[in-house]
N, C-alpha and C. Protein backbone atom coordinates (compact mmCIF):
# COMPACT_ATOMS: atom_id res chain seq x y z
N MET A 1 0.80 -0.98 0.24
CA MET A 1 -0.42 0.29 -0.08
C MET A 1 1.32 0.86 -0.23
N HIS A 2 0.22 1.90 -0.48
CA HIS A 2 1.27 3.46 -1.12
C HIS A 2 0.88 4.89 -1.18
N PHE A 3 0.30 5.77 -0.15
CA PHE A 3 -0.30 6.53 0.29
C PHE A 3 0.32 8.06 -0.20
N LEU A 4 -0.19 9.46 -0.98
CA LEU A 4 0.02 10.47 -0.43
C LEU A 4 -0.48 11.32 -0.14
N THR A 5 0.31 12.08 0.57
CA THR A 5 -0.38 13.08 1.64
C THR A 5 0.42 14.56 1.22
N TRP A 6 0.74 15.53 2.67
CA TRP A 6 1.38 17.06 2.57
C TRP A 6 2.54 16.49 3.10
N ASP A 7 1.72 15.99 4.70
CA ASP A 7 2.13 16.21 5.84
C ASP A 7 2.69 15.84 6.67
N ARG A 8 4.46 14.96 6.27
CA ARG A 8 5.08 14.21 6.90
C ARG A 8 4.64 13.81 8.36
N GLY A 9 4.22 14.73 8.93
CA GLY A 9 4.01 13.70 10.58
C GLY A 9 2.60 13.10 10.33
N ARG A 10 1.84 14.07 9.97
CA ARG A 10 0.31 13.06 10.05
C ARG A 10 0.51 11.64 8.94
N ALA A 11 1.37 11.41 8.11
CA ALA A 11 1.78 10.66 7.42
C ALA A 11 2.27 9.17 8.25
N GLU A 12 2.99 9.25 9.01
CA GLU A 12 3.64 8.95 9.41
C GLU A 12 2.91 8.23 10.46
N ARG A 13 1.29 8.94 11.12
CA ARG A 13 0.96 8.24 12.40
C ARG A 13 -0.29 6.89 11.58
N ALA A 14 -0.11 7.48 10.04
CA ALA A 14 -1.54 7.31 9.71
C ALA A 14 -0.38 5.34 8.77
N ARG A 15 0.64 5.61 8.76
CA ARG A 15 1.25 4.64 8.22
C ARG A 15 1.55 3.44 9.76
N ARG A 16 1.90 4.29 10.13
CA ARG A 16 2.01 2.99 11.82
C ARG A 16 0.67 2.45 12.20
N GLY A 17 0.13 3.40 12.22
CA GLY A 17 -1.55 2.60 12.69
C GLY A 17 -2.21 2.11 11.41
N ILE A 18 -1.96 2.28 10.34
CA ILE A 18 -2.43 0.94 8.64
C ILE A 18 -1.64 -0.23 9.14
N ALA A 19 -0.36 0.06 9.35
CA ALA A 19 0.50 -1.45 9.52
C ALA A 19 -0.12 -1.72 10.72
N ALA A 20 -0.51 -1.46 11.98
CA ALA A 20 -0.74 -1.89 12.61
C ALA A 20 -2.08 -2.76 12.60
N ALA A 21 -2.90 -2.03 12.09
CA ALA A 21 -3.81 -2.50 11.48
C ALA A 21 -4.22 -3.58 10.81
N SER A 22 -3.40 -3.65 9.62
CA SER A 22 -3.37 -4.29 8.93
C SER A 22 -2.70 -5.50 8.89
N GLY A 23 -2.03 -6.30 9.62
CA GLY A 23 -1.01 -7.20 10.28
C GLY A 23 0.11 -7.65 9.13
N GLY A 24 1.16 -6.38 9.89
CA GLY A 24 2.42 -5.79 8.69
C GLY A 24 2.90 -5.63 7.09
N ILE A 25 1.62 -5.30 6.42
CA ILE A 25 2.03 -5.04 5.37
C ILE A 25 2.67 -4.23 4.77
N SER A 26 3.59 -3.99 3.81
CA SER A 26 4.75 -2.93 3.76
C SER A 26 3.57 -1.54 2.91
N ILE A 27 3.49 -0.40 4.24
CA ILE A 27 3.15 0.87 3.55
C ILE A 27 4.06 1.87 2.88
N GLY A 28 4.06 2.38 2.01
CA GLY A 28 4.67 4.07 2.11
C GLY A 28 4.47 4.87 1.59
N TYR A 29 4.37 6.29 1.90
CA TYR A 29 3.90 6.84 1.01
C TYR A 29 5.17 7.74 0.61
N GLY A 30 4.17 9.32 -0.37
CA GLY A 30 5.12 10.19 -0.93
C GLY A 30 4.37 11.47 -0.26
N LEU A 31 5.21 12.42 -0.77
CA LEU A 31 4.39 14.09 0.07
C LEU A 31 4.76 14.80 -1.13
N ALA A 32 3.67 15.10 -1.56
CA ALA A 32 2.73 16.43 -2.64
C ALA A 32 2.33 16.99 -2.14
N ASP A 33 1.73 18.52 -2.08
CA ASP A 33 0.63 18.86 -2.04
C ASP A 33 -0.12 19.36 -3.21
N LEU A 34 -1.80 18.90 -2.61
CA LEU A 34 -2.15 18.40 -4.43
C LEU A 34 -2.78 19.91 -5.07
N GLU A 35 -1.87 21.19 -4.48
CA GLU A 35 -2.52 22.27 -4.91
C GLU A 35 -1.22 22.18 -6.03
N ASP A 36 -0.21 21.77 -5.92
CA ASP A 36 0.67 21.98 -6.47
C ASP A 36 1.27 21.09 -7.98
N LEU A 37 0.96 21.40 -8.73
CA LEU A 37 0.57 19.76 -10.01
C LEU A 37 2.09 19.70 -10.39
N ASP A 38 3.37 20.54 -10.40
CA ASP A 38 4.52 19.50 -10.44
C ASP A 38 4.92 19.18 -9.24
N ALA A 39 4.21 19.15 -8.25
CA ALA A 39 4.77 18.26 -7.20
C ALA A 39 3.68 16.81 -7.38
N VAL A 40 2.74 16.62 -7.44
CA VAL A 40 2.08 15.81 -8.50
C VAL A 40 2.24 14.48 -9.14
N ARG A 41 2.57 15.84 -10.03
CA ARG A 41 3.38 14.88 -11.25
C ARG A 41 4.57 14.01 -11.11
N ALA A 42 5.49 14.97 -10.11
CA ALA A 42 7.04 14.63 -9.55
C ALA A 42 6.55 12.99 -8.52
N PHE A 43 5.36 12.89 -8.25
CA PHE A 43 4.33 12.33 -6.90
C PHE A 43 4.72 10.67 -7.73
N ALA A 44 3.47 10.77 -9.03
CA ALA A 44 3.56 9.81 -10.10
C ALA A 44 4.74 9.54 -10.46
N ARG A 45 5.68 10.00 -10.91
CA ARG A 45 7.00 9.78 -11.46
C ARG A 45 7.50 9.51 -10.80
N ASP A 46 7.70 9.12 -9.26
CA ASP A 46 8.28 8.30 -8.47
C ASP A 46 7.34 6.85 -8.15
N LEU A 47 6.37 7.49 -7.85
CA LEU A 47 5.01 6.39 -7.75
C LEU A 47 5.74 5.12 -8.81
N CYS A 48 5.43 5.26 -10.11
CA CYS A 48 5.58 4.49 -11.54
C CYS A 48 7.01 3.81 -11.48
N ALA A 49 7.70 5.57 -10.96
CA ALA A 49 9.25 3.75 -10.66
C ALA A 49 9.32 3.02 -9.88
N THR A 50 8.46 2.70 -9.18
CA THR A 50 8.64 1.58 -8.13
C THR A 50 7.96 0.82 -8.01
N HIS A 51 6.17 1.07 -8.85
CA HIS A 51 5.30 0.52 -8.50
C HIS A 51 4.58 0.13 -9.82
N ASP A 52 5.14 -0.90 -10.44
CA ASP A 52 4.34 -0.59 -11.91
C ASP A 52 3.07 -1.55 -12.30
N ARG A 53 2.15 -1.63 -11.30
CA ARG A 53 0.69 -2.02 -11.28
C ARG A 53 0.21 -0.77 -10.29
N ILE A 54 -0.87 -0.60 -10.65
CA ILE A 54 -2.49 0.04 -8.84
C ILE A 54 -3.52 -0.93 -9.22
N ASP A 55 -3.33 -1.70 -8.41
CA ASP A 55 -4.95 -2.13 -8.33
C ASP A 55 -6.12 -1.16 -7.45
N VAL A 56 -5.56 -0.26 -7.07
CA VAL A 56 -6.81 0.54 -6.58
C VAL A 56 -6.44 1.76 -6.27
N LEU A 57 -6.91 3.17 -6.88
CA LEU A 57 -6.21 4.00 -6.87
C LEU A 57 -7.71 5.17 -6.07
N ILE A 58 -7.56 5.50 -4.73
CA ILE A 58 -8.58 6.35 -4.09
C ILE A 58 -8.39 8.00 -4.12
N HIS A 59 -9.39 8.82 -4.94
CA HIS A 59 -8.68 10.00 -4.13
C HIS A 59 -10.14 10.50 -3.63
N HIS A 60 -8.99 10.72 -2.10
CA HIS A 60 -9.95 11.27 -1.18
C HIS A 60 -8.90 12.37 -0.16
N ALA A 61 -8.58 13.90 -1.26
CA ALA A 61 -8.10 14.54 -0.45
C ALA A 61 -8.44 15.47 -1.24
N GLY A 62 -8.06 16.90 -0.61
CA GLY A 62 -8.10 18.55 -1.22
C GLY A 62 -8.64 19.48 -0.42
N ALA A 63 -8.25 20.75 -0.37
CA ALA A 63 -9.24 21.45 0.97
C ALA A 63 -9.99 22.16 0.11
N ILE A 64 -11.03 22.48 1.33
CA ILE A 64 -11.46 23.81 0.21
C ILE A 64 -11.18 24.82 0.46
N HIS A 65 -11.19 26.59 -0.05
CA HIS A 65 -10.91 27.32 0.42
C HIS A 65 -11.98 28.21 0.22
N PRO A 66 -12.42 28.99 1.81
CA PRO A 66 -13.58 30.16 1.93
C PRO A 66 -13.71 31.35 1.02
N GLU A 67 -12.09 31.99 0.54
CA GLU A 67 -12.27 32.71 -0.28
C GLU A 67 -11.03 32.03 -1.39
N PHE A 68 -11.44 33.22 -2.37
CA PHE A 68 -10.87 33.11 -4.05
C PHE A 68 -10.03 33.19 -4.15
N ARG A 69 -8.32 31.77 -3.77
CA ARG A 69 -7.43 32.19 -4.04
C ARG A 69 -6.66 31.07 -5.30
N THR A 70 -5.91 31.68 -6.14
CA THR A 70 -5.22 31.04 -7.56
C THR A 70 -4.30 30.86 -7.47
N ASP A 71 -3.36 29.40 -7.91
CA ASP A 71 -2.21 29.38 -8.25
C ASP A 71 -1.61 29.94 -9.33
N THR A 72 -0.40 29.65 -9.52
CA THR A 72 0.20 30.74 -10.27
C THR A 72 -0.39 30.87 -11.92
N ALA A 73 -0.76 30.02 -12.09
CA ALA A 73 -1.82 30.02 -13.97
C ALA A 73 -2.74 30.87 -13.39
N GLY A 74 -3.20 31.21 -12.96
CA GLY A 74 -4.79 31.80 -12.38
C GLY A 74 -6.10 30.66 -12.05
N THR A 75 -5.98 29.62 -11.87
CA THR A 75 -7.23 28.17 -11.65
C THR A 75 -7.02 28.27 -10.37
N GLU A 76 -8.46 28.41 -9.51
CA GLU A 76 -9.05 28.59 -8.44
C GLU A 76 -8.23 27.36 -7.98
N LEU A 77 -7.80 27.70 -6.53
CA LEU A 77 -7.10 26.07 -5.58
C LEU A 77 -7.94 25.30 -5.79
N THR A 78 -9.55 26.07 -5.24
CA THR A 78 -10.33 24.53 -4.79
C THR A 78 -9.79 23.08 -6.12
N ILE A 79 -10.32 24.38 -7.11
CA ILE A 79 -10.51 23.51 -8.60
C ILE A 79 -9.23 22.62 -8.30
N VAL A 80 -7.85 23.44 -8.23
CA VAL A 80 -6.70 23.10 -8.83
C VAL A 80 -7.07 21.14 -7.21
N GLY A 81 -7.03 21.29 -6.26
CA GLY A 81 -7.08 20.82 -5.33
C GLY A 81 -7.99 18.82 -5.75
N GLN A 82 -9.01 19.45 -5.72
CA GLN A 82 -10.14 19.07 -5.58
C GLN A 82 -11.26 18.34 -6.80
N VAL A 83 -10.20 18.74 -8.19
CA VAL A 83 -10.69 18.71 -9.23
C VAL A 83 -9.20 18.15 -10.36
N VAL A 84 -8.37 19.16 -10.87
CA VAL A 84 -7.62 19.35 -12.22
C VAL A 84 -6.27 17.57 -10.95
N ALA A 85 -5.69 18.52 -10.07
CA ALA A 85 -4.93 17.26 -9.61
C ALA A 85 -5.42 15.77 -9.07
N PRO A 86 -6.52 15.72 -8.76
CA PRO A 86 -7.12 14.23 -9.14
C PRO A 86 -7.48 13.17 -10.63
N PHE A 87 -7.38 14.25 -11.62
CA PHE A 87 -7.59 13.88 -12.92
C PHE A 87 -6.21 13.46 -13.32
N LEU A 88 -5.55 14.74 -13.27
CA LEU A 88 -3.81 14.54 -13.42
C LEU A 88 -3.26 13.59 -13.04
N LEU A 89 -3.61 12.93 -11.68
CA LEU A 89 -2.84 12.06 -10.86
C LEU A 89 -3.38 10.57 -11.78
N THR A 90 -4.33 10.40 -12.13
CA THR A 90 -5.35 9.71 -12.19
C THR A 90 -4.76 9.09 -14.06
N ARG A 91 -4.35 10.16 -14.69
CA ARG A 91 -4.38 10.19 -16.19
C ARG A 91 -2.27 9.99 -16.24
N LEU A 92 -1.56 10.46 -15.11
CA LEU A 92 -0.26 9.74 -15.34
C LEU A 92 0.04 8.81 -14.59
N LEU A 93 -0.88 8.06 -13.71
CA LEU A 93 -0.70 6.48 -13.42
C LEU A 93 -1.81 5.52 -13.99
N VAL A 94 -2.70 6.47 -15.30
CA VAL A 94 -3.36 5.47 -15.93
C VAL A 94 -2.42 4.11 -16.60
N SER A 95 -1.26 3.53 -17.27
CA SER A 95 -0.31 2.14 -17.21
C SER A 95 -0.66 2.07 -16.31
N ALA A 96 -0.06 2.00 -14.85
CA ALA A 96 0.16 1.42 -14.02
C ALA A 96 -1.28 0.70 -13.20
N LEU A 97 -2.55 1.13 -13.48
CA LEU A 97 -4.18 0.73 -13.92
C LEU A 97 -4.30 -0.21 -14.87
N VAL A 98 -3.93 0.35 -16.01
CA VAL A 98 -3.92 -0.55 -16.87
C VAL A 98 -3.50 -1.97 -16.25
N ALA A 99 -2.19 -1.90 -16.23
CA ALA A 99 -1.83 -3.10 -16.00
C ALA A 99 -2.32 -4.15 -14.46
N ALA A 100 -3.09 -3.43 -14.13
CA ALA A 100 -3.31 -4.10 -12.75
C ALA A 100 -4.95 -4.91 -13.03
N ALA A 101 -5.63 -4.07 -14.45
CA ALA A 101 -6.66 -4.72 -14.52
C ALA A 101 -7.44 -6.11 -14.71
N PRO A 102 -8.45 -6.06 -13.94
CA PRO A 102 -9.28 -5.19 -13.21
C PRO A 102 -8.74 -4.15 -12.54
N SER A 103 -8.28 -2.91 -12.26
CA SER A 103 -8.17 -2.28 -11.31
C SER A 103 -9.51 -1.15 -10.97
N ARG A 104 -9.15 -0.46 -9.86
CA ARG A 104 -10.65 0.25 -9.35
C ARG A 104 -10.23 1.57 -9.66
N LEU A 105 -11.04 2.76 -9.83
CA LEU A 105 -10.19 4.09 -9.17
C LEU A 105 -11.89 4.31 -9.10
N ILE A 106 -11.24 5.24 -7.28
CA ILE A 106 -12.48 5.90 -6.48
C ILE A 106 -12.46 6.70 -6.31
N THR A 107 -13.27 7.93 -6.56
CA THR A 107 -13.01 9.28 -6.30
C THR A 107 -14.44 10.02 -5.41
N ILE A 108 -13.73 10.22 -4.26
CA ILE A 108 -14.67 10.98 -2.69
C ILE A 108 -14.50 12.50 -3.18
N TRP A 109 -15.79 13.04 -3.19
CA TRP A 109 -16.07 14.61 -2.60
C TRP A 109 -16.55 14.47 -1.72
N ASP A 110 -15.78 14.66 -0.58
CA ASP A 110 -16.97 14.62 0.43
C ASP A 110 -17.34 15.93 1.79
N HIS A 111 -16.63 17.21 1.01
CA HIS A 111 -17.30 18.57 0.57
C HIS A 111 -17.33 18.74 -0.41
N LEU A 112 -17.70 18.18 -1.42
CA LEU A 112 -18.64 19.05 -2.63
C LEU A 112 -19.22 19.91 -2.39
N GLY A 113 -20.40 19.51 -1.34
CA GLY A 113 -21.35 20.67 -0.58
C GLY A 113 -20.74 22.27 -0.40
N ALA A 114 -19.54 21.79 0.53
CA ALA A 114 -18.79 23.30 0.71
C ALA A 114 -18.34 23.77 -0.38
N ALA A 115 -17.60 23.06 -1.64
CA ALA A 115 -17.33 24.01 -2.64
C ALA A 115 -18.27 24.83 -3.16
N THR A 116 -19.52 24.23 -3.43
CA THR A 116 -20.35 25.10 -4.31
C THR A 116 -20.50 26.09 -3.43
N ALA A 117 -20.12 26.76 -2.29
CA ALA A 117 -19.85 28.22 -1.21
C ALA A 117 -19.00 29.07 -1.70
N THR A 118 -17.60 28.17 -2.88
CA THR A 118 -16.86 28.85 -3.03
C THR A 118 -17.30 30.64 -3.74
N ASP A 119 -16.22 31.95 -3.66
CA ASP A 119 -17.20 32.99 -4.46
C ASP A 119 -15.34 32.58 -5.36
N THR A 120 -16.33 32.51 -6.83
CA THR A 120 -15.65 33.09 -8.13
C THR A 120 -16.01 34.16 -8.99
N SER A 121 -17.14 34.72 -8.00
CA SER A 121 -16.98 35.95 -9.14
C SER A 121 -15.46 36.84 -9.32
N LYS A 122 -15.24 36.93 -8.68
CA LYS A 122 -13.47 37.46 -9.53
C LYS A 122 -12.91 37.01 -10.36
N ALA A 123 -13.53 35.32 -10.49
CA ALA A 123 -12.52 34.23 -11.51
C ALA A 123 -12.64 35.13 -13.12
N GLY A 124 -14.06 35.62 -13.06
CA GLY A 124 -14.39 35.94 -14.79
C GLY A 124 -14.92 35.31 -15.06
N ALA A 125 -15.23 33.94 -14.95
CA ALA A 125 -15.84 33.09 -15.53
C ALA A 125 -17.26 32.55 -14.52
N GLY A 126 -16.98 32.82 -13.57
CA GLY A 126 -17.85 32.59 -13.03
C GLY A 126 -18.68 30.59 -12.55
N ARG A 127 -19.16 29.85 -12.50
CA ARG A 127 -19.80 28.55 -12.14
C ARG A 127 -19.78 28.12 -12.91
N ALA A 128 -20.22 28.41 -14.24
CA ALA A 128 -20.59 28.23 -15.59
C ALA A 128 -18.94 27.84 -16.01
N GLY A 129 -17.89 28.69 -15.95
CA GLY A 129 -16.89 28.89 -16.31
C GLY A 129 -15.88 27.59 -15.23
N GLN A 130 -16.12 27.27 -14.51
CA GLN A 130 -15.41 25.70 -13.88
C GLN A 130 -16.09 24.35 -14.28
N ARG A 131 -17.45 24.50 -14.91
CA ARG A 131 -17.69 23.68 -14.86
C ARG A 131 -16.61 23.30 -16.54
N ASP A 132 -16.94 24.32 -17.47
CA ASP A 132 -16.61 24.21 -18.99
C ASP A 132 -14.80 23.40 -18.60
N CYS A 133 -14.68 24.14 -17.50
CA CYS A 133 -13.22 23.95 -17.46
C CYS A 133 -13.09 22.12 -16.86
N CYS A 134 -13.79 21.69 -16.14
CA CYS A 134 -14.06 20.82 -15.47
C CYS A 134 -14.70 19.50 -16.67
N SER A 135 -15.65 19.87 -17.71
CA SER A 135 -15.86 18.52 -18.60
C SER A 135 -15.00 18.69 -19.71
N VAL A 136 -13.87 19.40 -19.90
CA VAL A 136 -13.01 18.88 -21.12
C VAL A 136 -11.40 18.09 -20.18
N ILE A 137 -11.41 17.93 -18.72
CA ILE A 137 -10.45 17.35 -17.99
C ILE A 137 -10.39 15.73 -18.25
N SER A 138 -9.66 15.43 -18.86
CA SER A 138 -10.35 13.63 -18.87
C SER A 138 -8.33 13.17 -18.51
N PRO A 139 -8.63 12.01 -17.73
CA PRO A 139 -7.73 10.66 -17.10
C PRO A 139 -7.09 9.96 -18.56
N TRP A 140 -8.11 10.00 -19.67
CA TRP A 140 -8.17 9.08 -20.34
C TRP A 140 -7.86 9.80 -21.74
N GLY A 141 -8.15 10.73 -21.95
CA GLY A 141 -8.07 11.49 -23.25
C GLY A 141 -7.45 12.94 -23.48
N GLN A 142 -7.04 13.46 -24.52
CA GLN A 142 -6.36 14.76 -24.21
C GLN A 142 -7.21 15.26 -23.38
N GLY A 143 -6.57 16.62 -23.43
CA GLY A 143 -7.38 18.17 -22.16
C GLY A 143 -6.57 18.82 -21.11
């Protein structure tokens, strides 16, 4: 088992807890901030270098920002962490997922209701722009 997190202390606690509960399976982790797409790319590269197959990929991370903030490319940070990063990570890991077929991809958005409260009025495109952006992002094709 291998997981991604942004905080080493929390990762170590999680790794120890999972190892204790699982009966000693090998547990590893990588560190990356989902709002930094270069860090997501580096994590995927490192994971693929050590794992040729992924049986299950679970996306269950990302922050909800109550105020409008963007990354250096101008994309709102909640969208980066909740939508763009998971799609990017899946796309970068697709060969390892295919190698483990029938693999599974699970995305959990338990904070999605909170995301609808994000103020996007300063983005210029508003909610329609977010939907348009999300509709062209696909881990399986161009986008």
